[in-house]
Amino acid sequence: MGIASLVLGIVGVVFSFIGLYLPAAIIGVVGIILGALGRKRTPEKKGMATAGLVLSIIAVALALITYIACMACVSAANSAINSLA
């Protein structure tokens, strides 16, 4: 489960950088769950599960921050266009 969490964390971070916010958030949440389970069940691969957990948390945070920033930018552009009309 540690390897799956690590892979999902990496994919989630990449998705959040290229603008796929919803898939990045979903993949990140699944990675968080798998990372937490991996830390409990396999103590010999605890480091990989921890890395996956951290990357998944970063993926979810980046997806949310970028989504909020994009919505703020769209809202500002909408209000600027409406003030011109």
Protein backbone atom coordinates (compact mmCIF):
# COMPACT_ATOMS: atom_id res chain seq x y z
CA MET A 1 0.00 0.00 0.00
CA GLY A 2 2.97 2.27 0.51
CA ILE A 3 3.97 2.03 -3.13
CA ALA A 4 0.42 2.76 -4.29
CA SER A 5 0.24 5.76 -2.00
CA LEU A 6 3.57 7.05 -3.30
CA VAL A 7 2.50 6.66 -6.92
CA LEU A 8 -0.86 8.32 -6.28
CA GLY A 9 0.85 11.18 -4.45
CA ILE A 10 3.21 11.80 -7.36
CA VAL A 11 0.38 11.62 -9.91
CA GLY A 12 -1.75 13.94 -7.76
CA VAL A 13 1.02 16.55 -7.54
CA VAL A 14 1.58 16.40 -11.30
CA PHE A 15 -2.15 16.70 -11.98
CA SER A 16 -2.45 19.71 -9.67
CA PHE A 17 0.38 21.45 -11.52
CA ILE A 18 -1.14 20.91 -14.96
CA GLY A 19 -4.58 22.12 -13.93
CA LEU A 20 -6.58 18.95 -13.35
CA TYR A 21 -7.79 19.95 -9.89
CA LEU A 22 -10.67 17.56 -9.32
CA PRO A 23 -8.78 14.40 -10.33
CA ALA A 24 -5.77 15.61 -8.32
CA ALA A 25 -7.91 16.06 -5.21
CA ILE A 26 -9.59 12.67 -5.61
CA ILE A 27 -6.30 10.89 -6.26
CA GLY A 28 -4.77 12.71 -3.29
CA VAL A 29 -7.53 11.63 -0.93
CA VAL A 30 -7.17 8.00 -2.06
CA GLY A 31 -3.40 8.32 -1.58
CA ILE A 32 -3.89 9.66 1.95
CA ILE A 33 -6.10 6.71 2.83
CA LEU A 34 -3.66 4.19 1.35
CA GLY A 35 -0.71 5.88 3.03
CA ALA A 36 -2.36 5.76 6.43
CA LEU A 37 -3.27 2.11 5.96
CA GLY A 38 0.21 1.32 4.69
CA ARG A 39 1.83 2.83 7.77
CA LYS A 40 -0.29 0.60 10.01
CA ARG A 41 -0.11 -2.69 8.12
CA THR A 42 3.46 -2.89 6.81
CA PRO A 43 6.04 -1.58 9.27
CA GLU A 44 8.96 -2.61 7.04
CA LYS A 45 7.79 -0.21 4.28
CA LYS A 46 6.79 2.57 6.65
CA GLY A 47 9.08 5.11 4.96
CA MET A 48 7.50 4.66 1.55
CA ALA A 49 4.02 4.91 3.02
CA THR A 50 5.02 8.09 4.86
CA ALA A 51 6.40 9.62 1.66
CA GLY A 52 3.19 8.73 -0.16
CA LEU A 53 1.12 10.20 2.64
CA VAL A 54 3.07 13.46 2.55
CA LEU A 55 2.90 13.71 -1.25
CA SER A 56 -0.82 13.01 -1.22
CA ILE A 57 -1.41 15.73 1.36
CA ILE A 58 0.64 18.14 -0.76
CA ALA A 59 -1.37 17.14 -3.85
CA VAL A 60 -4.70 17.87 -2.15
CA ALA A 61 -3.42 21.18 -0.76
CA LEU A 62 -2.04 22.28 -4.12
CA ALA A 63 -5.25 21.31 -5.90
CA LEU A 64 -7.37 23.31 -3.46
CA ILE A 65 -5.09 26.36 -3.45
CA THR A 66 -4.81 26.44 -7.23
CA TYR A 67 -8.57 25.95 -7.66
CA ILE A 68 -9.31 28.82 -5.27
CA ALA A 69 -6.77 31.06 -7.03
CA CYS A 70 -8.26 30.27 -10.44
CA MET A 71 -11.78 30.97 -9.24
CA ALA A 72 -10.64 34.29 -7.76
CA CYS A 73 -8.98 35.20 -11.06
CA VAL A 74 -12.08 34.30 -13.07
CA SER A 75 -14.25 36.30 -10.69
CA ALA A 76 -11.99 39.34 -11.00
CA ALA A 77 -11.98 39.08 -14.77
CA ASN A 78 -15.79 38.73 -14.80
CA SER A 79 -16.26 41.80 -12.64
CA ALA A 80 -13.81 43.78 -14.81
CA ILE A 81 -15.68 42.81 -17.96
CA ASN A 82 -19.03 43.70 -16.37
CA SER A 83 -17.73 47.12 -15.30
CA LEU A 84 -16.78 47.91 -18.91
CA ALA A 85 -20.21 47.13 -20.27
